[in-house]
Amino acid sequence: MIGRKPIPLKVSIEPLVEKFNPVPQVNKEPIYLDVVELEALKLIDLENLTFEEAGLRMNTSRNTIWRIVKSAREKIVRALIEGREIIIQK
């Protein structure tokens, strides 16, 4: 095994919804958004924390938060542009 064992990330939210459906749904292949990605977006975009502050809250580095947020934003934009369902994975 190469590398170190991943550290579990802290998540403070329990999503109220499981998925979002576009009308009309153009592409039948859904986008899966992890609850960790949702948490990072919440901290950065809603609570206006810095990446460093969000990293401290989630027990990881600011670089990891940056990568998680970048991935989440890309998924959401892809779903909106391509008319795909977003499923939040717990």
N, C-alpha and C. Protein backbone atom coordinates (compact mmCIF):
# COMPACT_ATOMS: atom_id res chain seq x y z
N MET A 1 0.84 -1.17 0.00
CA MET A 1 0.00 0.00 0.00
C MET A 1 0.89 1.24 0.00
N ILE A 2 0.60 2.16 -0.88
CA ILE A 2 1.37 3.39 -0.98
C ILE A 2 0.58 4.52 -0.34
N GLY A 3 1.28 5.41 0.33
CA GLY A 3 0.62 6.56 0.95
C GLY A 3 0.15 6.24 2.36
N ARG A 4 -0.51 7.23 2.92
CA ARG A 4 -0.99 7.05 4.29
C ARG A 4 -2.49 6.80 4.30
N LYS A 5 -2.95 6.27 5.41
CA LYS A 5 -4.37 5.98 5.56
C LYS A 5 -5.15 7.30 5.65
N PRO A 6 -6.26 7.43 4.89
CA PRO A 6 -7.01 8.69 4.93
C PRO A 6 -7.61 8.96 6.30
N ILE A 7 -7.58 10.22 6.69
CA ILE A 7 -8.17 10.66 7.96
C ILE A 7 -9.65 10.92 7.72
N PRO A 8 -10.55 10.39 8.57
CA PRO A 8 -11.97 10.67 8.38
C PRO A 8 -12.26 12.16 8.53
N LEU A 9 -13.03 12.70 7.61
CA LEU A 9 -13.37 14.12 7.65
C LEU A 9 -14.62 14.34 8.49
N LYS A 10 -14.63 15.43 9.23
CA LYS A 10 -15.77 15.76 10.08
C LYS A 10 -16.85 16.44 9.24
N VAL A 11 -18.09 15.99 9.45
CA VAL A 11 -19.23 16.56 8.76
C VAL A 11 -20.27 16.91 9.81
N SER A 12 -20.75 18.15 9.78
CA SER A 12 -21.70 18.59 10.81
C SER A 12 -23.15 18.62 10.34
N ILE A 13 -23.37 18.32 9.07
CA ILE A 13 -24.74 18.41 8.56
C ILE A 13 -25.29 17.04 8.19
N GLU A 14 -26.57 16.91 8.30
CA GLU A 14 -27.31 15.76 7.81
C GLU A 14 -28.22 16.33 6.71
N PRO A 15 -27.95 15.98 5.46
CA PRO A 15 -28.74 16.56 4.37
C PRO A 15 -30.24 16.33 4.55
N LEU A 16 -31.01 17.38 4.29
CA LEU A 16 -32.47 17.28 4.40
C LEU A 16 -33.09 16.63 3.18
N VAL A 17 -32.39 16.68 2.07
CA VAL A 17 -32.89 16.08 0.83
C VAL A 17 -31.88 15.07 0.31
N GLU A 18 -32.37 14.13 -0.48
CA GLU A 18 -31.50 13.10 -1.04
C GLU A 18 -31.11 13.39 -2.48
N LYS A 19 -31.97 14.15 -3.19
CA LYS A 19 -31.66 14.42 -4.59
C LYS A 19 -32.42 15.62 -5.11
N PHE A 20 -31.92 16.14 -6.23
CA PHE A 20 -32.56 17.22 -6.96
C PHE A 20 -32.78 16.73 -8.38
N ASN A 21 -33.97 16.97 -8.90
CA ASN A 21 -34.29 16.55 -10.25
C ASN A 21 -34.55 17.75 -11.15
N PRO A 22 -33.86 17.82 -12.30
CA PRO A 22 -34.13 18.90 -13.24
C PRO A 22 -35.41 18.62 -14.02
N VAL A 23 -36.04 19.67 -14.47
CA VAL A 23 -37.23 19.54 -15.31
C VAL A 23 -37.00 20.35 -16.56
N PRO A 24 -36.91 19.72 -17.71
CA PRO A 24 -36.89 18.27 -17.93
C PRO A 24 -35.51 17.68 -17.63
N GLN A 25 -35.49 16.41 -17.35
CA GLN A 25 -34.21 15.72 -17.11
C GLN A 25 -33.67 15.29 -18.48
N VAL A 26 -32.65 16.00 -18.95
CA VAL A 26 -32.12 15.79 -20.29
C VAL A 26 -31.21 14.57 -20.33
N ASN A 27 -30.36 14.43 -19.35
CA ASN A 27 -29.40 13.34 -19.29
C ASN A 27 -29.80 12.42 -18.14
N LYS A 28 -29.98 11.15 -18.42
CA LYS A 28 -30.46 10.19 -17.40
C LYS A 28 -29.38 9.75 -16.42
N GLU A 29 -28.10 10.03 -16.72
CA GLU A 29 -27.03 9.62 -15.81
C GLU A 29 -26.89 10.66 -14.70
N PRO A 30 -27.10 10.27 -13.43
CA PRO A 30 -27.06 11.24 -12.33
C PRO A 30 -25.63 11.65 -11.97
N ILE A 31 -25.55 12.75 -11.26
CA ILE A 31 -24.30 13.21 -10.66
C ILE A 31 -24.38 12.89 -9.17
N TYR A 32 -23.34 12.27 -8.64
CA TYR A 32 -23.32 11.92 -7.22
C TYR A 32 -22.47 12.94 -6.46
N LEU A 33 -23.08 13.61 -5.50
CA LEU A 33 -22.41 14.61 -4.66
C LEU A 33 -22.28 14.01 -3.26
N ASP A 34 -21.05 13.88 -2.80
CA ASP A 34 -20.80 13.29 -1.49
C ASP A 34 -21.14 14.30 -0.40
N VAL A 35 -21.58 13.82 0.75
CA VAL A 35 -21.93 14.70 1.87
C VAL A 35 -20.72 15.52 2.33
N VAL A 36 -19.51 15.00 2.15
CA VAL A 36 -18.29 15.75 2.47
C VAL A 36 -18.17 16.96 1.54
N GLU A 37 -18.50 16.76 0.26
CA GLU A 37 -18.47 17.88 -0.69
C GLU A 37 -19.52 18.92 -0.32
N LEU A 38 -20.69 18.47 0.08
CA LEU A 38 -21.74 19.39 0.51
C LEU A 38 -21.30 20.19 1.74
N GLU A 39 -20.69 19.53 2.69
CA GLU A 39 -20.19 20.20 3.90
C GLU A 39 -19.15 21.26 3.54
N ALA A 40 -18.22 20.92 2.68
CA ALA A 40 -17.18 21.88 2.29
C ALA A 40 -17.79 23.09 1.58
N LEU A 41 -18.75 22.87 0.69
CA LEU A 41 -19.44 23.98 0.02
C LEU A 41 -20.16 24.87 1.03
N LYS A 42 -20.81 24.25 1.99
CA LYS A 42 -21.53 25.01 3.02
C LYS A 42 -20.57 25.91 3.79
N LEU A 43 -19.45 25.36 4.20
CA LEU A 43 -18.49 26.13 4.99
C LEU A 43 -17.88 27.28 4.18
N ILE A 44 -17.54 27.02 2.94
CA ILE A 44 -16.88 28.03 2.10
C ILE A 44 -17.88 29.04 1.54
N ASP A 45 -18.96 28.56 0.95
CA ASP A 45 -19.87 29.45 0.21
C ASP A 45 -21.00 30.03 1.04
N LEU A 46 -21.45 29.35 2.08
CA LEU A 46 -22.53 29.89 2.92
C LEU A 46 -22.02 30.55 4.19
N GLU A 47 -21.07 29.91 4.84
CA GLU A 47 -20.54 30.47 6.08
C GLU A 47 -19.35 31.41 5.84
N ASN A 48 -18.91 31.49 4.59
CA ASN A 48 -17.82 32.37 4.19
C ASN A 48 -16.53 32.16 4.98
N LEU A 49 -16.24 30.91 5.30
CA LEU A 49 -14.98 30.61 5.98
C LEU A 49 -13.86 30.58 4.95
N THR A 50 -12.63 30.75 5.41
CA THR A 50 -11.48 30.56 4.53
C THR A 50 -11.27 29.05 4.36
N PHE A 51 -10.46 28.70 3.38
CA PHE A 51 -10.17 27.28 3.18
C PHE A 51 -9.45 26.71 4.39
N GLU A 52 -8.61 27.52 5.01
CA GLU A 52 -7.90 27.08 6.22
C GLU A 52 -8.89 26.84 7.37
N GLU A 53 -9.82 27.77 7.58
CA GLU A 53 -10.82 27.61 8.64
C GLU A 53 -11.71 26.39 8.39
N ALA A 54 -12.10 26.20 7.14
CA ALA A 54 -12.92 25.02 6.80
C ALA A 54 -12.13 23.74 7.03
N GLY A 55 -10.85 23.77 6.69
CA GLY A 55 -10.00 22.60 6.92
C GLY A 55 -9.92 22.25 8.40
N LEU A 56 -9.81 23.26 9.25
CA LEU A 56 -9.78 23.01 10.69
C LEU A 56 -11.09 22.39 11.16
N ARG A 57 -12.21 22.88 10.65
CA ARG A 57 -13.52 22.33 11.04
C ARG A 57 -13.70 20.89 10.58
N MET A 58 -13.15 20.58 9.40
CA MET A 58 -13.35 19.24 8.84
C MET A 58 -12.19 18.29 9.12
N ASN A 59 -11.20 18.77 9.88
CA ASN A 59 -10.07 17.94 10.28
C ASN A 59 -9.19 17.54 9.08
N THR A 60 -8.90 18.53 8.22
CA THR A 60 -8.04 18.26 7.06
C THR A 60 -7.32 19.54 6.67
N SER A 61 -6.51 19.47 5.64
CA SER A 61 -5.74 20.63 5.19
C SER A 61 -6.57 21.55 4.30
N ARG A 62 -6.11 22.78 4.16
CA ARG A 62 -6.81 23.73 3.28
C ARG A 62 -6.73 23.27 1.83
N ASN A 63 -5.62 22.61 1.46
CA ASN A 63 -5.49 22.10 0.09
C ASN A 63 -6.53 21.02 -0.21
N THR A 64 -6.77 20.17 0.76
CA THR A 64 -7.79 19.13 0.59
C THR A 64 -9.17 19.76 0.46
N ILE A 65 -9.46 20.77 1.27
CA ILE A 65 -10.74 21.48 1.17
C ILE A 65 -10.87 22.11 -0.21
N TRP A 66 -9.81 22.72 -0.69
CA TRP A 66 -9.82 23.34 -2.02
C TRP A 66 -10.17 22.30 -3.09
N ARG A 67 -9.55 21.12 -3.02
CA ARG A 67 -9.84 20.07 -4.00
C ARG A 67 -11.28 19.58 -3.90
N ILE A 68 -11.78 19.43 -2.68
CA ILE A 68 -13.16 18.97 -2.47
C ILE A 68 -14.15 19.98 -3.03
N VAL A 69 -13.94 21.27 -2.74
CA VAL A 69 -14.84 22.32 -3.22
C VAL A 69 -14.79 22.41 -4.74
N LYS A 70 -13.62 22.31 -5.32
CA LYS A 70 -13.47 22.35 -6.77
C LYS A 70 -14.26 21.21 -7.41
N SER A 71 -14.14 20.03 -6.86
CA SER A 71 -14.87 18.87 -7.38
C SER A 71 -16.38 19.06 -7.26
N ALA A 72 -16.84 19.53 -6.10
CA ALA A 72 -18.27 19.73 -5.86
C ALA A 72 -18.85 20.77 -6.81
N ARG A 73 -18.15 21.88 -6.98
CA ARG A 73 -18.64 22.93 -7.87
C ARG A 73 -18.72 22.43 -9.31
N GLU A 74 -17.73 21.68 -9.73
CA GLU A 74 -17.74 21.12 -11.09
C GLU A 74 -18.93 20.19 -11.29
N LYS A 75 -19.20 19.35 -10.30
CA LYS A 75 -20.33 18.42 -10.39
C LYS A 75 -21.66 19.18 -10.49
N ILE A 76 -21.83 20.20 -9.66
CA ILE A 76 -23.08 20.96 -9.65
C ILE A 76 -23.28 21.70 -10.97
N VAL A 77 -22.24 22.32 -11.46
CA VAL A 77 -22.35 23.04 -12.74
C VAL A 77 -22.64 22.06 -13.87
N ARG A 78 -21.99 20.91 -13.87
CA ARG A 78 -22.23 19.90 -14.90
C ARG A 78 -23.70 19.45 -14.86
N ALA A 79 -24.22 19.23 -13.68
CA ALA A 79 -25.61 18.81 -13.54
C ALA A 79 -26.56 19.88 -14.07
N LEU A 80 -26.29 21.15 -13.75
CA LEU A 80 -27.14 22.24 -14.21
C LEU A 80 -27.07 22.42 -15.73
N ILE A 81 -25.88 22.37 -16.29
CA ILE A 81 -25.70 22.57 -17.73
C ILE A 81 -26.26 21.40 -18.53
N GLU A 82 -26.05 20.17 -18.03
CA GLU A 82 -26.43 18.98 -18.78
C GLU A 82 -27.80 18.43 -18.39
N GLY A 83 -28.51 19.09 -17.47
CA GLY A 83 -29.84 18.63 -17.07
C GLY A 83 -29.82 17.27 -16.41
N ARG A 84 -28.90 17.09 -15.46
CA ARG A 84 -28.75 15.80 -14.79
C ARG A 84 -29.21 15.88 -13.34
N GLU A 85 -29.74 14.79 -12.84
CA GLU A 85 -30.15 14.68 -11.45
C GLU A 85 -28.91 14.71 -10.55
N ILE A 86 -29.03 15.36 -9.37
CA ILE A 86 -27.97 15.36 -8.37
C ILE A 86 -28.44 14.49 -7.21
N ILE A 87 -27.64 13.48 -6.89
CA ILE A 87 -27.94 12.59 -5.76
C ILE A 87 -26.89 12.82 -4.69
N ILE A 88 -27.35 13.10 -3.47
CA ILE A 88 -26.43 13.34 -2.35
C ILE A 88 -26.19 12.02 -1.63
N GLN A 89 -24.92 11.61 -1.61
CA GLN A 89 -24.54 10.36 -0.97
C GLN A 89 -24.11 10.60 0.46
N LYS A 90 -24.67 9.83 1.38
CA LYS A 90 -24.33 9.96 2.80
C LYS A 90 -23.21 9.03 3.16
